[in-house]
Amino acid sequence: MGKNKEIRHLLESLHSLLLREKEALMKDDVAEVVEIVEEKITLAGRLEEMKEMKEMKEMKDAEGQMDSKADEGRDASVNALIDSIWDLQETNRLLTEQALSYQEVLLKSIAEESTKDRETYSPKGGYSDQKKTSTFVDQKV
């Protein structure tokens, strides 16, 4: 596979992973997100290797310029794919922040409720104020 096709294939794979990640984040599927993140790390490593190889080739090639129309078209389509990847990554980042914010609010709410005084029935049948803390959550996270 040529270098340009390999780069395009890697970018398309990354785009596909980001779409899967977006769906997993919306469904709150943690196991799927963990799996996708591991795949993204692998792809990022491969893209980094391709970048280094390209830089080495450019250093060897004094001209480094290509004038063919096919290369210009390829560059435009790759740039569009990269823009789409950036947009998806930003969306996924926002979804992740939203999920974390929700979890923080939920834990804060549980922690606050667990320390409130409760008015309950006493053994004698009347109301009594009892301070009873829950052991469910006894620390703030």
N, C-alpha and C. Protein backbone atom coordinates (compact mmCIF):
# COMPACT_ATOMS: atom_id res chain seq x y z
N MET A 1 0.86 -1.18 0.00
CA MET A 1 0.00 0.00 0.00
C MET A 1 0.90 1.23 0.00
N GLY A 2 0.61 2.20 -0.86
CA GLY A 2 1.38 3.42 -0.92
C GLY A 2 1.22 4.23 0.35
N LYS A 3 2.18 5.09 0.60
CA LYS A 3 2.15 5.89 1.83
C LYS A 3 0.91 6.76 1.92
N ASN A 4 0.54 7.39 0.79
CA ASN A 4 -0.64 8.25 0.81
C ASN A 4 -1.91 7.46 1.08
N LYS A 5 -2.01 6.29 0.48
CA LYS A 5 -3.18 5.44 0.72
C LYS A 5 -3.20 4.95 2.16
N GLU A 6 -2.01 4.65 2.69
CA GLU A 6 -1.94 4.18 4.07
C GLU A 6 -2.35 5.28 5.04
N ILE A 7 -1.89 6.50 4.78
CA ILE A 7 -2.28 7.63 5.63
C ILE A 7 -3.78 7.84 5.56
N ARG A 8 -4.33 7.82 4.36
CA ARG A 8 -5.77 7.99 4.19
C ARG A 8 -6.54 6.88 4.92
N HIS A 9 -6.05 5.65 4.80
CA HIS A 9 -6.69 4.52 5.47
C HIS A 9 -6.65 4.71 6.99
N LEU A 10 -5.51 5.17 7.53
CA LEU A 10 -5.41 5.42 8.96
C LEU A 10 -6.37 6.52 9.41
N LEU A 11 -6.47 7.58 8.61
CA LEU A 11 -7.38 8.68 8.94
C LEU A 11 -8.83 8.22 8.88
N GLU A 12 -9.17 7.40 7.89
CA GLU A 12 -10.54 6.88 7.81
C GLU A 12 -10.83 5.96 8.99
N SER A 13 -9.85 5.18 9.40
CA SER A 13 -10.02 4.31 10.58
C SER A 13 -10.25 5.15 11.83
N LEU A 14 -9.49 6.22 11.96
CA LEU A 14 -9.65 7.13 13.10
C LEU A 14 -11.03 7.77 13.08
N HIS A 15 -11.47 8.19 11.91
CA HIS A 15 -12.81 8.79 11.76
C HIS A 15 -13.88 7.80 12.19
N SER A 16 -13.75 6.57 11.74
CA SER A 16 -14.70 5.51 12.11
C SER A 16 -14.70 5.27 13.62
N LEU A 17 -13.51 5.24 14.23
CA LEU A 17 -13.41 5.06 15.68
C LEU A 17 -14.08 6.20 16.43
N LEU A 18 -13.90 7.42 15.94
CA LEU A 18 -14.51 8.57 16.60
C LEU A 18 -16.03 8.52 16.52
N LEU A 19 -16.55 8.04 15.41
CA LEU A 19 -18.01 7.87 15.29
C LEU A 19 -18.50 6.82 16.30
N ARG A 20 -17.75 5.70 16.41
CA ARG A 20 -18.11 4.67 17.39
C ARG A 20 -18.02 5.22 18.81
N GLU A 21 -16.99 6.03 19.07
CA GLU A 21 -16.80 6.61 20.40
C GLU A 21 -17.96 7.55 20.73
N LYS A 22 -18.39 8.33 19.76
CA LYS A 22 -19.51 9.25 19.98
C LYS A 22 -20.76 8.47 20.37
N GLU A 23 -21.05 7.39 19.65
CA GLU A 23 -22.22 6.57 19.99
C GLU A 23 -22.08 5.95 21.38
N ALA A 24 -20.89 5.45 21.70
CA ALA A 24 -20.67 4.83 23.01
C ALA A 24 -20.81 5.86 24.13
N LEU A 25 -20.33 7.08 23.89
CA LEU A 25 -20.47 8.13 24.90
C LEU A 25 -21.93 8.50 25.11
N MET A 26 -22.69 8.56 24.03
CA MET A 26 -24.11 8.90 24.16
C MET A 26 -24.89 7.80 24.87
N LYS A 27 -24.44 6.54 24.70
CA LYS A 27 -25.10 5.41 25.36
C LYS A 27 -24.51 5.13 26.75
N ASP A 28 -23.45 5.89 27.12
CA ASP A 28 -22.77 5.71 28.40
C ASP A 28 -22.22 4.29 28.54
N ASP A 29 -21.64 3.77 27.46
CA ASP A 29 -21.07 2.43 27.42
C ASP A 29 -19.57 2.53 27.72
N VAL A 30 -19.22 2.43 28.99
CA VAL A 30 -17.85 2.65 29.43
C VAL A 30 -16.90 1.61 28.85
N ALA A 31 -17.30 0.37 28.82
CA ALA A 31 -16.43 -0.69 28.30
C ALA A 31 -16.06 -0.43 26.84
N GLU A 32 -17.04 -0.01 26.06
CA GLU A 32 -16.79 0.30 24.65
C GLU A 32 -15.86 1.50 24.51
N VAL A 33 -16.05 2.52 25.34
CA VAL A 33 -15.20 3.71 25.28
C VAL A 33 -13.76 3.33 25.60
N VAL A 34 -13.54 2.50 26.61
CA VAL A 34 -12.19 2.08 26.98
C VAL A 34 -11.53 1.34 25.81
N GLU A 35 -12.28 0.45 25.19
CA GLU A 35 -11.76 -0.30 24.04
C GLU A 35 -11.39 0.65 22.89
N ILE A 36 -12.24 1.61 22.63
CA ILE A 36 -12.01 2.57 21.54
C ILE A 36 -10.79 3.43 21.83
N VAL A 37 -10.62 3.86 23.07
CA VAL A 37 -9.47 4.69 23.43
C VAL A 37 -8.17 3.92 23.19
N GLU A 38 -8.16 2.63 23.53
CA GLU A 38 -6.97 1.82 23.27
C GLU A 38 -6.68 1.74 21.77
N GLU A 39 -7.72 1.58 20.96
CA GLU A 39 -7.55 1.55 19.51
C GLU A 39 -7.05 2.90 18.98
N LYS A 40 -7.56 3.99 19.56
CA LYS A 40 -7.11 5.32 19.15
C LYS A 40 -5.64 5.53 19.46
N ILE A 41 -5.18 5.04 20.58
CA ILE A 41 -3.77 5.16 20.95
C ILE A 41 -2.90 4.43 19.94
N THR A 42 -3.33 3.24 19.54
CA THR A 42 -2.59 2.47 18.54
C THR A 42 -2.54 3.22 17.22
N LEU A 43 -3.69 3.74 16.78
CA LEU A 43 -3.72 4.50 15.52
C LEU A 43 -2.87 5.75 15.60
N ALA A 44 -2.90 6.43 16.72
CA ALA A 44 -2.10 7.65 16.88
C ALA A 44 -0.62 7.32 16.75
N GLY A 45 -0.20 6.20 17.30
CA GLY A 45 1.19 5.78 17.18
C GLY A 45 1.57 5.51 15.74
N ARG A 46 0.68 4.86 15.00
CA ARG A 46 0.95 4.59 13.59
C ARG A 46 0.99 5.88 12.78
N LEU A 47 0.10 6.83 13.08
CA LEU A 47 0.12 8.12 12.39
C LEU A 47 1.41 8.89 12.70
N GLU A 48 1.86 8.79 13.93
CA GLU A 48 3.11 9.46 14.31
C GLU A 48 4.29 8.87 13.54
N GLU A 49 4.29 7.54 13.38
CA GLU A 49 5.35 6.90 12.59
C GLU A 49 5.32 7.39 11.15
N MET A 50 4.12 7.51 10.59
CA MET A 50 3.99 7.99 9.20
C MET A 50 4.49 9.43 9.09
N LYS A 51 4.20 10.23 10.09
CA LYS A 51 4.65 11.63 10.09
C LYS A 51 6.17 11.69 10.09
N GLU A 52 6.79 10.89 10.93
CA GLU A 52 8.25 10.87 11.00
C GLU A 52 8.86 10.41 9.69
N MET A 53 8.26 9.40 9.06
CA MET A 53 8.76 8.93 7.78
C MET A 53 8.62 10.01 6.71
N LYS A 54 7.52 10.74 6.74
CA LYS A 54 7.32 11.81 5.77
C LYS A 54 8.35 12.92 5.97
N GLU A 55 8.61 13.27 7.21
CA GLU A 55 9.60 14.31 7.50
C GLU A 55 10.98 13.90 7.02
N MET A 56 11.32 12.62 7.20
CA MET A 56 12.62 12.14 6.73
C MET A 56 12.69 12.21 5.21
N LYS A 57 11.60 11.85 4.53
CA LYS A 57 11.58 11.89 3.07
C LYS A 57 11.71 13.33 2.59
N GLU A 58 11.02 14.26 3.24
CA GLU A 58 11.10 15.67 2.84
C GLU A 58 12.50 16.22 3.02
N MET A 59 13.19 15.76 4.04
CA MET A 59 14.56 16.21 4.24
C MET A 59 15.46 15.71 3.11
N LYS A 60 15.21 14.50 2.63
CA LYS A 60 16.00 13.94 1.53
C LYS A 60 15.63 14.60 0.20
N ASP A 61 14.37 14.95 0.06
CA ASP A 61 13.88 15.52 -1.19
C ASP A 61 13.98 17.05 -1.11
N ALA A 62 14.91 17.62 -1.82
CA ALA A 62 15.14 19.06 -1.75
C ALA A 62 13.95 19.85 -2.28
N GLU A 63 13.30 19.35 -3.30
CA GLU A 63 12.20 20.09 -3.89
C GLU A 63 10.94 19.98 -3.02
N GLY A 64 10.54 18.79 -2.69
CA GLY A 64 9.39 18.57 -1.81
C GLY A 64 8.06 19.05 -2.35
N GLN A 65 8.00 19.53 -3.56
CA GLN A 65 6.75 20.06 -4.13
C GLN A 65 6.25 19.12 -5.22
N MET A 66 4.95 18.88 -5.25
CA MET A 66 4.33 18.08 -6.29
C MET A 66 3.31 18.96 -6.99
N ASP A 67 3.31 18.91 -8.30
CA ASP A 67 2.44 19.80 -9.07
C ASP A 67 1.24 19.09 -9.69
N SER A 68 1.09 17.81 -9.49
CA SER A 68 0.02 17.12 -10.21
C SER A 68 -1.35 17.45 -9.61
N LYS A 69 -2.34 17.47 -10.47
CA LYS A 69 -3.73 17.75 -10.05
C LYS A 69 -4.25 16.66 -9.12
N ALA A 70 -3.83 15.43 -9.34
CA ALA A 70 -4.30 14.33 -8.50
C ALA A 70 -3.84 14.53 -7.06
N ASP A 71 -2.61 14.99 -6.88
CA ASP A 71 -2.11 15.23 -5.54
C ASP A 71 -2.86 16.37 -4.87
N GLU A 72 -3.22 17.41 -5.63
CA GLU A 72 -3.99 18.52 -5.06
C GLU A 72 -5.36 18.04 -4.61
N GLY A 73 -6.00 17.19 -5.43
CA GLY A 73 -7.31 16.64 -5.05
C GLY A 73 -7.20 15.77 -3.82
N ARG A 74 -6.14 14.98 -3.77
CA ARG A 74 -5.94 14.13 -2.60
C ARG A 74 -5.77 14.98 -1.35
N ASP A 75 -4.98 16.03 -1.46
CA ASP A 75 -4.75 16.91 -0.31
C ASP A 75 -6.06 17.52 0.18
N ALA A 76 -6.92 17.93 -0.75
CA ALA A 76 -8.20 18.53 -0.37
C ALA A 76 -9.09 17.51 0.33
N SER A 77 -9.13 16.29 -0.17
CA SER A 77 -9.98 15.27 0.47
C SER A 77 -9.41 14.86 1.82
N VAL A 78 -8.10 14.76 1.92
CA VAL A 78 -7.48 14.43 3.21
C VAL A 78 -7.71 15.56 4.20
N ASN A 79 -7.60 16.80 3.73
CA ASN A 79 -7.85 17.94 4.62
C ASN A 79 -9.30 17.94 5.11
N ALA A 80 -10.24 17.60 4.24
CA ALA A 80 -11.64 17.52 4.65
C ALA A 80 -11.84 16.42 5.68
N LEU A 81 -11.16 15.30 5.50
CA LEU A 81 -11.24 14.20 6.46
C LEU A 81 -10.65 14.62 7.80
N ILE A 82 -9.53 15.32 7.77
CA ILE A 82 -8.90 15.80 9.00
C ILE A 82 -9.81 16.79 9.72
N ASP A 83 -10.46 17.69 8.97
CA ASP A 83 -11.40 18.63 9.58
C ASP A 83 -12.55 17.89 10.26
N SER A 84 -13.04 16.85 9.60
CA SER A 84 -14.13 16.06 10.17
C SER A 84 -13.67 15.35 11.45
N ILE A 85 -12.44 14.85 11.43
CA ILE A 85 -11.88 14.19 12.62
C ILE A 85 -11.78 15.18 13.77
N TRP A 86 -11.29 16.40 13.50
CA TRP A 86 -11.20 17.41 14.55
C TRP A 86 -12.58 17.73 15.13
N ASP A 87 -13.58 17.85 14.26
CA ASP A 87 -14.94 18.15 14.73
C ASP A 87 -15.48 17.03 15.61
N LEU A 88 -15.28 15.78 15.17
CA LEU A 88 -15.75 14.64 15.96
C LEU A 88 -15.02 14.55 17.30
N GLN A 89 -13.73 14.80 17.29
CA GLN A 89 -12.96 14.75 18.53
C GLN A 89 -13.46 15.81 19.51
N GLU A 90 -13.77 16.98 19.01
CA GLU A 90 -14.30 18.05 19.87
C GLU A 90 -15.67 17.66 20.43
N THR A 91 -16.53 17.09 19.59
CA THR A 91 -17.84 16.63 20.05
C THR A 91 -17.68 15.58 21.14
N ASN A 92 -16.79 14.62 20.92
CA ASN A 92 -16.58 13.56 21.91
C ASN A 92 -15.99 14.12 23.21
N ARG A 93 -15.13 15.11 23.11
CA ARG A 93 -14.58 15.74 24.30
C ARG A 93 -15.70 16.40 25.12
N LEU A 94 -16.60 17.09 24.42
CA LEU A 94 -17.72 17.74 25.10
C LEU A 94 -18.66 16.72 25.74
N LEU A 95 -18.91 15.63 25.04
CA LEU A 95 -19.75 14.56 25.61
C LEU A 95 -19.10 13.97 26.85
N THR A 96 -17.80 13.79 26.82
CA THR A 96 -17.08 13.26 27.98
C THR A 96 -17.16 14.22 29.15
N GLU A 97 -16.95 15.50 28.89
CA GLU A 97 -17.04 16.50 29.96
C GLU A 97 -18.44 16.54 30.55
N GLN A 98 -19.45 16.43 29.70
CA GLN A 98 -20.83 16.43 30.18
C GLN A 98 -21.08 15.22 31.08
N ALA A 99 -20.61 14.05 30.68
CA ALA A 99 -20.80 12.85 31.49
C ALA A 99 -20.08 12.97 32.83
N LEU A 100 -18.87 13.50 32.81
CA LEU A 100 -18.13 13.68 34.07
C LEU A 100 -18.83 14.68 34.97
N SER A 101 -19.34 15.75 34.40
CA SER A 101 -20.06 16.75 35.18
C SER A 101 -21.29 16.14 35.83
N TYR A 102 -22.01 15.33 35.08
CA TYR A 102 -23.20 14.66 35.62
C TYR A 102 -22.82 13.77 36.79
N GLN A 103 -21.74 13.00 36.65
CA GLN A 103 -21.30 12.11 37.72
C GLN A 103 -20.88 12.90 38.96
N GLU A 104 -20.20 14.02 38.76
CA GLU A 104 -19.79 14.85 39.90
C GLU A 104 -20.99 15.41 40.64
N VAL A 105 -21.99 15.89 39.91
CA VAL A 105 -23.20 16.43 40.53
C VAL A 105 -23.93 15.33 41.30
N LEU A 106 -24.01 14.15 40.70
CA LEU A 106 -24.69 13.03 41.36
C LEU A 106 -23.98 12.66 42.66
N LEU A 107 -22.66 12.52 42.62
CA LEU A 107 -21.91 12.17 43.83
C LEU A 107 -22.00 13.26 44.89
N LYS A 108 -21.97 14.52 44.47
CA LYS A 108 -22.09 15.64 45.42
C LYS A 108 -23.46 15.60 46.09
N SER A 109 -24.48 15.33 45.31
CA SER A 109 -25.84 15.27 45.85
C SER A 109 -25.98 14.13 46.86
N ILE A 110 -25.44 12.98 46.52
CA ILE A 110 -25.51 11.84 47.44
C ILE A 110 -24.74 12.15 48.73
N ALA A 111 -23.56 12.76 48.60
CA ALA A 111 -22.76 13.08 49.78
C ALA A 111 -23.47 14.08 50.68
N GLU A 112 -24.10 15.10 50.08
CA GLU A 112 -24.82 16.09 50.88
C GLU A 112 -26.03 15.48 51.57
N GLU A 113 -26.77 14.65 50.89
CA GLU A 113 -27.96 14.04 51.47
C GLU A 113 -27.61 13.06 52.59
N SER A 114 -26.45 12.45 52.49
CA SER A 114 -26.08 11.45 53.50
C SER A 114 -25.73 12.08 54.84
N THR A 115 -25.45 13.39 54.87
CA THR A 115 -25.05 14.03 56.13
C THR A 115 -26.16 14.85 56.77
N LYS A 116 -27.32 14.92 56.16
CA LYS A 116 -28.42 15.72 56.71
C LYS A 116 -29.07 15.02 57.91
N ASP A 117 -29.59 15.85 58.82
CA ASP A 117 -30.35 15.32 59.95
C ASP A 117 -31.68 14.78 59.43
N ARG A 118 -32.12 13.70 60.03
CA ARG A 118 -33.37 13.09 59.62
C ARG A 118 -34.37 13.15 60.76
N GLU A 119 -35.60 13.43 60.42
CA GLU A 119 -36.66 13.39 61.40
C GLU A 119 -37.37 12.06 61.23
N THR A 120 -37.28 11.22 62.23
CA THR A 120 -37.84 9.88 62.12
C THR A 120 -38.70 9.57 63.34
N TYR A 121 -39.39 8.47 63.27
CA TYR A 121 -40.17 8.02 64.43
C TYR A 121 -39.22 7.48 65.49
N SER A 122 -39.53 7.83 66.75
CA SER A 122 -38.73 7.31 67.85
C SER A 122 -39.33 5.97 68.28
N PRO A 123 -38.62 5.25 69.09
CA PRO A 123 -39.17 3.97 69.57
C PRO A 123 -40.47 4.15 70.37
N LYS A 124 -40.74 5.38 70.86
CA LYS A 124 -41.94 5.64 71.65
C LYS A 124 -43.11 6.07 70.76
N GLY A 125 -42.90 6.14 69.46
CA GLY A 125 -44.00 6.44 68.56
C GLY A 125 -44.09 7.87 68.09
N GLY A 126 -43.32 8.79 68.65
CA GLY A 126 -43.34 10.18 68.21
C GLY A 126 -42.17 10.48 67.27
N TYR A 127 -42.15 11.72 66.85
CA TYR A 127 -41.02 12.14 66.01
C TYR A 127 -39.83 12.49 66.89
N SER A 128 -38.68 12.23 66.39
CA SER A 128 -37.47 12.68 67.09
C SER A 128 -36.43 13.06 66.04
N ASP A 129 -35.64 14.06 66.40
CA ASP A 129 -34.55 14.44 65.51
C ASP A 129 -33.38 13.52 65.79
N GLN A 130 -32.97 12.85 64.74
CA GLN A 130 -31.82 11.97 64.88
C GLN A 130 -30.80 12.33 63.83
N LYS A 131 -29.59 12.49 64.29
CA LYS A 131 -28.54 12.73 63.31
C LYS A 131 -27.91 11.38 63.02
N LYS A 132 -28.21 10.90 61.87
CA LYS A 132 -27.67 9.61 61.48
C LYS A 132 -27.05 9.78 60.10
N THR A 133 -25.78 9.54 60.03
CA THR A 133 -25.13 9.68 58.75
C THR A 133 -25.13 8.34 58.04
N SER A 134 -25.26 8.41 56.78
CA SER A 134 -25.28 7.22 55.96
C SER A 134 -23.86 6.71 55.76
N THR A 135 -23.71 5.41 55.69
CA THR A 135 -22.40 4.86 55.40
C THR A 135 -22.22 4.62 53.91
N PHE A 136 -23.24 4.97 53.14
CA PHE A 136 -23.18 4.77 51.68
C PHE A 136 -22.08 5.62 51.08
N VAL A 137 -22.08 6.89 51.41
CA VAL A 137 -21.03 7.79 50.95
C VAL A 137 -20.62 8.62 52.14
N ASP A 138 -19.41 8.41 52.63
CA ASP A 138 -18.99 9.14 53.82
C ASP A 138 -17.85 10.11 53.54
N GLN A 139 -17.51 10.28 52.27
CA GLN A 139 -16.48 11.23 51.90
C GLN A 139 -16.87 11.92 50.62
N LYS A 140 -16.38 13.13 50.47
CA LYS A 140 -16.56 13.80 49.20
C LYS A 140 -15.50 13.32 48.25
N VAL A 141 -15.88 13.18 47.00
CA VAL A 141 -14.94 12.67 45.99
C VAL A 141 -14.27 13.82 45.30
